[in-house]
Amino acid sequence: MLALMRRLLCAAIFVASLVGAAVVPAAADPIPNRITLSFDYTDNNASASVSNRAFNVIVNVLPEGASGLIRMVAIAPADSSASNQVCRFQWINQGQAECAFNFPDNGIWAIHAQFEVVPQSDVVASAVTNLRVTN
């Protein structure tokens, strides 16, 4: 009798889990319309680093099907005489946006990415990374 009750309990839990999986779709992010930005570099095993030259920064936008615009700003190091650099808002292309920056001075440059859904709307997501620029 006890063995039969265990089997029935296991069967009930199994059926409930299947029904729950069918009713509630799996999702990586339960918050609707949430955008996540991440920076992409050619060598993901090392910290981002660049010499004084042009360097492309790529921002990945998740979920992949999201549409909108990305703007990036490179903030010059505090002890530098260089100006901040702005890559204007551009439409996302296949889940990514790319900007080329020319870093004239050494130091830590902060790269800010901002996402907006339509032109001239509020920024709804942002991300920051640092690049060490050396000769």
N, C-alpha and C. Protein backbone atom coordinates (compact mmCIF):
# COMPACT_ATOMS: atom_id res chain seq x y z
N MET A 1 0.82 -1.18 0.00
CA MET A 1 0.00 0.00 0.00
C MET A 1 0.88 1.26 0.00
N LEU A 2 1.92 1.27 0.84
CA LEU A 2 2.82 2.41 0.91
C LEU A 2 3.56 2.61 -0.42
N ALA A 3 3.96 1.53 -1.06
CA ALA A 3 4.64 1.61 -2.36
C ALA A 3 3.71 2.19 -3.42
N LEU A 4 2.43 1.82 -3.39
CA LEU A 4 1.45 2.35 -4.34
C LEU A 4 1.26 3.84 -4.14
N MET A 5 1.22 4.30 -2.89
CA MET A 5 1.05 5.72 -2.60
C MET A 5 2.28 6.52 -3.08
N ARG A 6 3.47 5.96 -2.92
CA ARG A 6 4.68 6.63 -3.41
C ARG A 6 4.64 6.78 -4.92
N ARG A 7 4.22 5.72 -5.60
CA ARG A 7 4.14 5.76 -7.06
C ARG A 7 3.11 6.79 -7.51
N LEU A 8 1.97 6.83 -6.85
CA LEU A 8 0.94 7.81 -7.21
C LEU A 8 1.43 9.24 -6.96
N LEU A 9 2.13 9.44 -5.85
CA LEU A 9 2.68 10.76 -5.54
C LEU A 9 3.71 11.17 -6.59
N CYS A 10 4.60 10.26 -6.96
CA CYS A 10 5.60 10.56 -7.99
C CYS A 10 4.94 10.85 -9.32
N ALA A 11 3.93 10.07 -9.66
CA ALA A 11 3.21 10.30 -10.92
C ALA A 11 2.51 11.65 -10.91
N ALA A 12 1.91 12.02 -9.77
CA ALA A 12 1.22 13.31 -9.68
C ALA A 12 2.20 14.47 -9.83
N ILE A 13 3.35 14.36 -9.18
CA ILE A 13 4.37 15.41 -9.29
C ILE A 13 4.88 15.50 -10.72
N PHE A 14 5.09 14.38 -11.37
CA PHE A 14 5.57 14.36 -12.75
C PHE A 14 4.56 15.02 -13.68
N VAL A 15 3.28 14.67 -13.53
CA VAL A 15 2.22 15.26 -14.37
C VAL A 15 2.12 16.76 -14.11
N ALA A 16 2.19 17.18 -12.85
CA ALA A 16 2.11 18.60 -12.52
C ALA A 16 3.27 19.37 -13.13
N SER A 17 4.46 18.79 -13.14
CA SER A 17 5.61 19.48 -13.72
C SER A 17 5.46 19.60 -15.23
N LEU A 18 4.92 18.57 -15.87
CA LEU A 18 4.70 18.65 -17.31
C LEU A 18 3.66 19.70 -17.66
N VAL A 19 2.58 19.74 -16.89
CA VAL A 19 1.53 20.73 -17.13
C VAL A 19 2.07 22.13 -16.89
N GLY A 20 2.84 22.30 -15.83
CA GLY A 20 3.44 23.61 -15.54
C GLY A 20 4.38 24.06 -16.62
N ALA A 21 5.16 23.14 -17.18
CA ALA A 21 6.08 23.48 -18.26
C ALA A 21 5.33 23.85 -19.52
N ALA A 22 4.19 23.24 -19.74
CA ALA A 22 3.40 23.56 -20.93
C ALA A 22 2.67 24.88 -20.78
N VAL A 23 2.29 25.24 -19.56
CA VAL A 23 1.53 26.46 -19.33
C VAL A 23 2.43 27.67 -19.22
N VAL A 24 3.58 27.54 -18.58
CA VAL A 24 4.49 28.65 -18.37
C VAL A 24 5.70 28.47 -19.28
N PRO A 25 5.81 29.28 -20.35
CA PRO A 25 6.95 29.12 -21.26
C PRO A 25 8.25 29.51 -20.57
N ALA A 26 9.30 28.81 -20.94
CA ALA A 26 10.62 29.11 -20.39
C ALA A 26 11.14 30.40 -20.99
N ALA A 27 11.79 31.20 -20.18
CA ALA A 27 12.36 32.46 -20.67
C ALA A 27 13.60 32.77 -19.86
N ALA A 28 14.57 33.38 -20.51
CA ALA A 28 15.80 33.76 -19.82
C ALA A 28 15.56 34.94 -18.90
N ASP A 29 14.62 35.79 -19.26
CA ASP A 29 14.36 36.99 -18.49
C ASP A 29 12.86 37.13 -18.28
N PRO A 30 12.36 36.98 -17.07
CA PRO A 30 10.93 37.04 -16.85
C PRO A 30 10.35 38.44 -16.94
N ILE A 31 11.17 39.48 -17.00
CA ILE A 31 10.68 40.86 -17.10
C ILE A 31 10.51 41.21 -18.56
N PRO A 32 9.27 41.47 -19.01
CA PRO A 32 9.06 41.76 -20.42
C PRO A 32 9.72 43.08 -20.83
N ASN A 33 10.14 43.13 -22.08
CA ASN A 33 10.73 44.33 -22.69
C ASN A 33 12.03 44.77 -22.02
N ARG A 34 12.71 43.89 -21.35
CA ARG A 34 13.98 44.26 -20.73
C ARG A 34 15.10 44.05 -21.74
N ILE A 35 15.93 45.03 -21.90
CA ILE A 35 17.05 44.99 -22.83
C ILE A 35 18.34 44.86 -22.05
N THR A 36 19.22 43.98 -22.52
CA THR A 36 20.53 43.81 -21.92
C THR A 36 21.59 44.13 -22.96
N LEU A 37 22.57 44.93 -22.58
CA LEU A 37 23.66 45.29 -23.47
C LEU A 37 24.95 44.65 -22.96
N SER A 38 25.75 44.12 -23.89
CA SER A 38 27.05 43.58 -23.51
C SER A 38 28.07 43.97 -24.56
N PHE A 39 29.30 44.18 -24.12
CA PHE A 39 30.38 44.55 -25.02
C PHE A 39 31.05 43.31 -25.56
N ASP A 40 31.54 43.43 -26.79
CA ASP A 40 32.15 42.28 -27.46
C ASP A 40 33.51 42.71 -27.98
N TYR A 41 34.51 41.86 -27.72
CA TYR A 41 35.87 42.10 -28.20
C TYR A 41 36.35 40.84 -28.89
N THR A 42 37.40 40.97 -29.67
CA THR A 42 37.90 39.82 -30.41
C THR A 42 38.51 38.77 -29.51
N ASP A 43 39.07 39.16 -28.38
CA ASP A 43 39.69 38.21 -27.46
C ASP A 43 38.97 38.27 -26.12
N ASN A 44 38.02 37.39 -25.92
CA ASN A 44 37.24 37.40 -24.69
C ASN A 44 37.99 36.79 -23.50
N ASN A 45 39.21 36.27 -23.72
CA ASN A 45 39.96 35.66 -22.63
C ASN A 45 40.89 36.64 -21.93
N ALA A 46 41.04 37.82 -22.49
CA ALA A 46 41.93 38.81 -21.90
C ALA A 46 41.15 40.10 -21.67
N SER A 47 41.64 40.91 -20.74
CA SER A 47 40.95 42.19 -20.52
C SER A 47 41.12 43.07 -21.75
N ALA A 48 40.13 43.90 -21.98
CA ALA A 48 40.15 44.77 -23.15
C ALA A 48 41.32 45.74 -23.07
N SER A 49 42.11 45.80 -24.10
CA SER A 49 43.29 46.65 -24.13
C SER A 49 43.57 47.04 -25.57
N VAL A 50 44.06 48.25 -25.78
CA VAL A 50 44.31 48.73 -27.13
C VAL A 50 45.45 49.73 -27.11
N SER A 51 46.17 49.81 -28.20
CA SER A 51 47.20 50.83 -28.35
C SER A 51 46.55 52.09 -28.91
N ASN A 52 47.35 53.16 -28.97
CA ASN A 52 46.83 54.43 -29.48
C ASN A 52 46.55 54.33 -30.97
N ARG A 53 45.37 53.87 -31.29
CA ARG A 53 44.95 53.75 -32.69
C ARG A 53 43.46 53.51 -32.71
N ALA A 54 42.92 53.38 -33.90
CA ALA A 54 41.48 53.12 -34.02
C ALA A 54 41.16 51.75 -33.44
N PHE A 55 40.02 51.66 -32.75
CA PHE A 55 39.60 50.41 -32.12
C PHE A 55 38.09 50.32 -32.22
N ASN A 56 37.59 49.20 -32.74
CA ASN A 56 36.14 49.01 -32.87
C ASN A 56 35.57 48.40 -31.61
N VAL A 57 34.49 48.98 -31.14
CA VAL A 57 33.77 48.47 -29.98
C VAL A 57 32.41 48.01 -30.47
N ILE A 58 32.03 46.79 -30.11
CA ILE A 58 30.76 46.22 -30.53
C ILE A 58 29.89 46.04 -29.29
N VAL A 59 28.62 46.40 -29.42
CA VAL A 59 27.66 46.17 -28.35
C VAL A 59 26.64 45.17 -28.86
N ASN A 60 26.47 44.08 -28.11
CA ASN A 60 25.43 43.09 -28.40
C ASN A 60 24.17 43.48 -27.64
N VAL A 61 23.02 43.32 -28.29
CA VAL A 61 21.74 43.67 -27.69
C VAL A 61 20.92 42.40 -27.53
N LEU A 62 20.46 42.15 -26.31
CA LEU A 62 19.62 41.00 -26.03
C LEU A 62 18.29 41.48 -25.47
N PRO A 63 17.17 40.91 -25.85
CA PRO A 63 17.04 39.74 -26.72
C PRO A 63 17.43 40.09 -28.15
N GLU A 64 17.84 39.07 -28.90
CA GLU A 64 18.39 39.27 -30.24
C GLU A 64 17.44 39.97 -31.19
N GLY A 65 16.15 39.78 -31.04
CA GLY A 65 15.18 40.38 -31.95
C GLY A 65 14.82 41.81 -31.62
N ALA A 66 15.45 42.40 -30.61
CA ALA A 66 15.12 43.76 -30.20
C ALA A 66 15.49 44.75 -31.30
N SER A 67 14.66 45.76 -31.46
CA SER A 67 14.99 46.82 -32.41
C SER A 67 15.11 48.12 -31.62
N GLY A 68 15.95 48.99 -32.11
CA GLY A 68 16.18 50.26 -31.45
C GLY A 68 17.49 50.85 -31.90
N LEU A 69 17.99 51.79 -31.14
CA LEU A 69 19.21 52.50 -31.49
C LEU A 69 20.22 52.41 -30.35
N ILE A 70 21.49 52.41 -30.72
CA ILE A 70 22.59 52.38 -29.75
C ILE A 70 23.48 53.60 -29.99
N ARG A 71 23.90 54.22 -28.90
CA ARG A 71 24.90 55.28 -28.95
C ARG A 71 26.01 54.89 -28.01
N MET A 72 27.25 55.17 -28.41
CA MET A 72 28.39 54.93 -27.53
C MET A 72 29.16 56.22 -27.34
N VAL A 73 29.67 56.38 -26.13
CA VAL A 73 30.49 57.53 -25.78
C VAL A 73 31.76 57.02 -25.12
N ALA A 74 32.90 57.48 -25.58
CA ALA A 74 34.18 57.14 -24.97
C ALA A 74 34.60 58.33 -24.10
N ILE A 75 34.64 58.11 -22.80
CA ILE A 75 35.01 59.15 -21.84
C ILE A 75 36.52 59.11 -21.63
N ALA A 76 37.17 60.23 -21.92
CA ALA A 76 38.63 60.32 -21.80
C ALA A 76 39.07 60.18 -20.35
N PRO A 77 40.30 59.68 -20.14
CA PRO A 77 40.83 59.60 -18.77
C PRO A 77 40.88 60.98 -18.13
N ALA A 78 40.68 61.02 -16.82
CA ALA A 78 40.64 62.30 -16.10
C ALA A 78 41.92 63.11 -16.24
N ASP A 79 43.07 62.44 -16.30
CA ASP A 79 44.35 63.14 -16.39
C ASP A 79 44.79 63.38 -17.83
N SER A 80 43.88 63.25 -18.76
CA SER A 80 44.19 63.40 -20.17
C SER A 80 43.73 64.75 -20.69
N SER A 81 44.36 65.21 -21.76
CA SER A 81 43.90 66.44 -22.41
C SER A 81 42.96 66.11 -23.58
N ALA A 82 42.70 64.84 -23.79
CA ALA A 82 41.83 64.41 -24.90
C ALA A 82 40.37 64.72 -24.59
N SER A 83 39.61 64.88 -25.64
CA SER A 83 38.16 65.11 -25.51
C SER A 83 37.42 63.79 -25.54
N ASN A 84 36.23 63.79 -24.96
CA ASN A 84 35.36 62.63 -25.06
C ASN A 84 34.97 62.44 -26.52
N GLN A 85 34.71 61.19 -26.90
CA GLN A 85 34.32 60.90 -28.27
C GLN A 85 32.91 60.31 -28.26
N VAL A 86 32.10 60.73 -29.23
CA VAL A 86 30.71 60.28 -29.31
C VAL A 86 30.48 59.59 -30.64
N CYS A 87 29.91 58.41 -30.57
CA CYS A 87 29.45 57.69 -31.76
C CYS A 87 27.93 57.82 -31.71
N ARG A 88 27.37 58.56 -32.63
CA ARG A 88 25.93 58.90 -32.60
C ARG A 88 25.04 57.67 -32.61
N PHE A 89 23.77 57.88 -32.23
CA PHE A 89 22.80 56.79 -32.24
C PHE A 89 22.73 56.17 -33.62
N GLN A 90 22.76 54.85 -33.66
CA GLN A 90 22.63 54.10 -34.91
C GLN A 90 21.68 52.93 -34.68
N TRP A 91 20.99 52.53 -35.72
CA TRP A 91 20.06 51.41 -35.61
C TRP A 91 20.82 50.12 -35.39
N ILE A 92 20.25 49.26 -34.58
CA ILE A 92 20.82 47.94 -34.33
C ILE A 92 20.75 47.12 -35.61
N ASN A 93 21.83 46.43 -35.93
CA ASN A 93 21.89 45.58 -37.11
C ASN A 93 22.21 44.15 -36.65
N GLN A 94 21.28 43.24 -36.80
CA GLN A 94 21.45 41.84 -36.41
C GLN A 94 21.90 41.70 -34.96
N GLY A 95 21.27 42.47 -34.08
CA GLY A 95 21.55 42.36 -32.66
C GLY A 95 22.81 43.05 -32.20
N GLN A 96 23.43 43.87 -33.07
CA GLN A 96 24.69 44.52 -32.70
C GLN A 96 24.74 45.95 -33.22
N ALA A 97 25.59 46.72 -32.59
CA ALA A 97 25.97 48.04 -33.08
C ALA A 97 27.48 48.16 -32.88
N GLU A 98 28.13 48.85 -33.80
CA GLU A 98 29.60 48.94 -33.76
C GLU A 98 30.03 50.39 -33.96
N CYS A 99 31.01 50.79 -33.17
CA CYS A 99 31.59 52.12 -33.30
C CYS A 99 33.12 52.02 -33.31
N ALA A 100 33.75 52.87 -34.10
CA ALA A 100 35.21 52.93 -34.15
C ALA A 100 35.65 54.19 -33.42
N PHE A 101 36.53 54.02 -32.46
CA PHE A 101 37.08 55.14 -31.71
C PHE A 101 38.57 55.23 -31.98
N ASN A 102 39.11 56.45 -31.96
CA ASN A 102 40.54 56.68 -32.10
C ASN A 102 41.00 57.28 -30.78
N PHE A 103 41.74 56.51 -30.00
CA PHE A 103 42.15 56.94 -28.68
C PHE A 103 43.51 57.63 -28.75
N PRO A 104 43.57 58.96 -28.62
CA PRO A 104 44.83 59.67 -28.77
C PRO A 104 45.74 59.64 -27.54
N ASP A 105 45.18 59.38 -26.36
CA ASP A 105 45.97 59.43 -25.13
C ASP A 105 45.90 58.10 -24.37
N ASN A 106 46.97 57.83 -23.63
CA ASN A 106 47.01 56.65 -22.77
C ASN A 106 46.08 56.83 -21.58
N GLY A 107 45.73 55.71 -20.98
CA GLY A 107 44.91 55.74 -19.77
C GLY A 107 43.70 54.84 -19.89
N ILE A 108 42.83 54.92 -18.89
CA ILE A 108 41.61 54.13 -18.87
C ILE A 108 40.47 54.96 -19.47
N TRP A 109 39.95 54.49 -20.58
CA TRP A 109 38.82 55.12 -21.25
C TRP A 109 37.55 54.36 -20.87
N ALA A 110 36.53 55.07 -20.43
CA ALA A 110 35.25 54.44 -20.10
C ALA A 110 34.35 54.51 -21.32
N ILE A 111 33.85 53.36 -21.74
CA ILE A 111 32.95 53.31 -22.90
C ILE A 111 31.54 53.10 -22.37
N HIS A 112 30.66 54.05 -22.67
CA HIS A 112 29.26 53.98 -22.26
C HIS A 112 28.42 53.67 -23.48
N ALA A 113 27.54 52.68 -23.37
CA ALA A 113 26.58 52.36 -24.43
C ALA A 113 25.19 52.67 -23.90
N GLN A 114 24.37 53.26 -24.76
CA GLN A 114 23.00 53.60 -24.38
C GLN A 114 22.04 53.10 -25.45
N PHE A 115 20.90 52.57 -25.01
CA PHE A 115 19.89 52.03 -25.91
C PHE A 115 18.60 52.84 -25.79
N GLU A 116 18.03 53.20 -26.93
CA GLU A 116 16.69 53.79 -26.95
C GLU A 116 15.87 53.07 -28.01
N VAL A 117 14.57 52.98 -27.79
CA VAL A 117 13.69 52.21 -28.67
C VAL A 117 13.45 52.92 -29.99
N VAL A 118 13.18 54.21 -29.94
CA VAL A 118 12.96 55.02 -31.14
C VAL A 118 13.77 56.30 -31.01
N PRO A 119 14.06 56.96 -32.14
CA PRO A 119 14.86 58.19 -32.08
C PRO A 119 14.25 59.23 -31.13
N GLN A 120 15.10 59.86 -30.38
CA GLN A 120 14.78 60.95 -29.46
C GLN A 120 13.83 60.53 -28.34
N SER A 121 13.91 59.27 -27.93
CA SER A 121 13.13 58.82 -26.78
C SER A 121 14.08 58.65 -25.59
N ASP A 122 13.55 58.22 -24.47
CA ASP A 122 14.37 58.02 -23.28
C ASP A 122 15.30 56.83 -23.45
N VAL A 123 16.47 56.92 -22.84
CA VAL A 123 17.39 55.79 -22.80
C VAL A 123 16.80 54.78 -21.82
N VAL A 124 16.63 53.52 -22.28
CA VAL A 124 16.00 52.50 -21.44
C VAL A 124 16.99 51.44 -20.96
N ALA A 125 18.20 51.44 -21.50
CA ALA A 125 19.22 50.49 -21.04
C ALA A 125 20.58 51.12 -21.30
N SER A 126 21.53 50.77 -20.44
CA SER A 126 22.89 51.27 -20.63
C SER A 126 23.89 50.28 -20.05
N ALA A 127 25.12 50.41 -20.50
CA ALA A 127 26.20 49.54 -20.02
C ALA A 127 27.50 50.33 -20.10
N VAL A 128 28.47 49.94 -19.28
CA VAL A 128 29.77 50.62 -19.24
C VAL A 128 30.87 49.58 -19.21
N THR A 129 31.93 49.85 -19.95
CA THR A 129 33.14 49.03 -19.86
C THR A 129 34.33 49.96 -19.90
N ASN A 130 35.48 49.45 -19.49
CA ASN A 130 36.71 50.24 -19.51
C ASN A 130 37.72 49.63 -20.46
N LEU A 131 38.44 50.50 -21.16
CA LEU A 131 39.52 50.08 -22.04
C LEU A 131 40.81 50.73 -21.57
N ARG A 132 41.85 49.94 -21.41
CA ARG A 132 43.18 50.48 -21.07
C ARG A 132 43.92 50.74 -22.37
N VAL A 133 44.27 51.98 -22.61
CA VAL A 133 44.98 52.38 -23.82
C VAL A 133 46.44 52.61 -23.46
N THR A 134 47.34 51.92 -24.17
CA THR A 134 48.77 52.08 -23.94
C THR A 134 49.51 52.14 -25.26
N ASN A 135 50.72 52.69 -25.22
CA ASN A 135 51.57 52.71 -26.42
C ASN A 135 52.22 51.38 -26.60
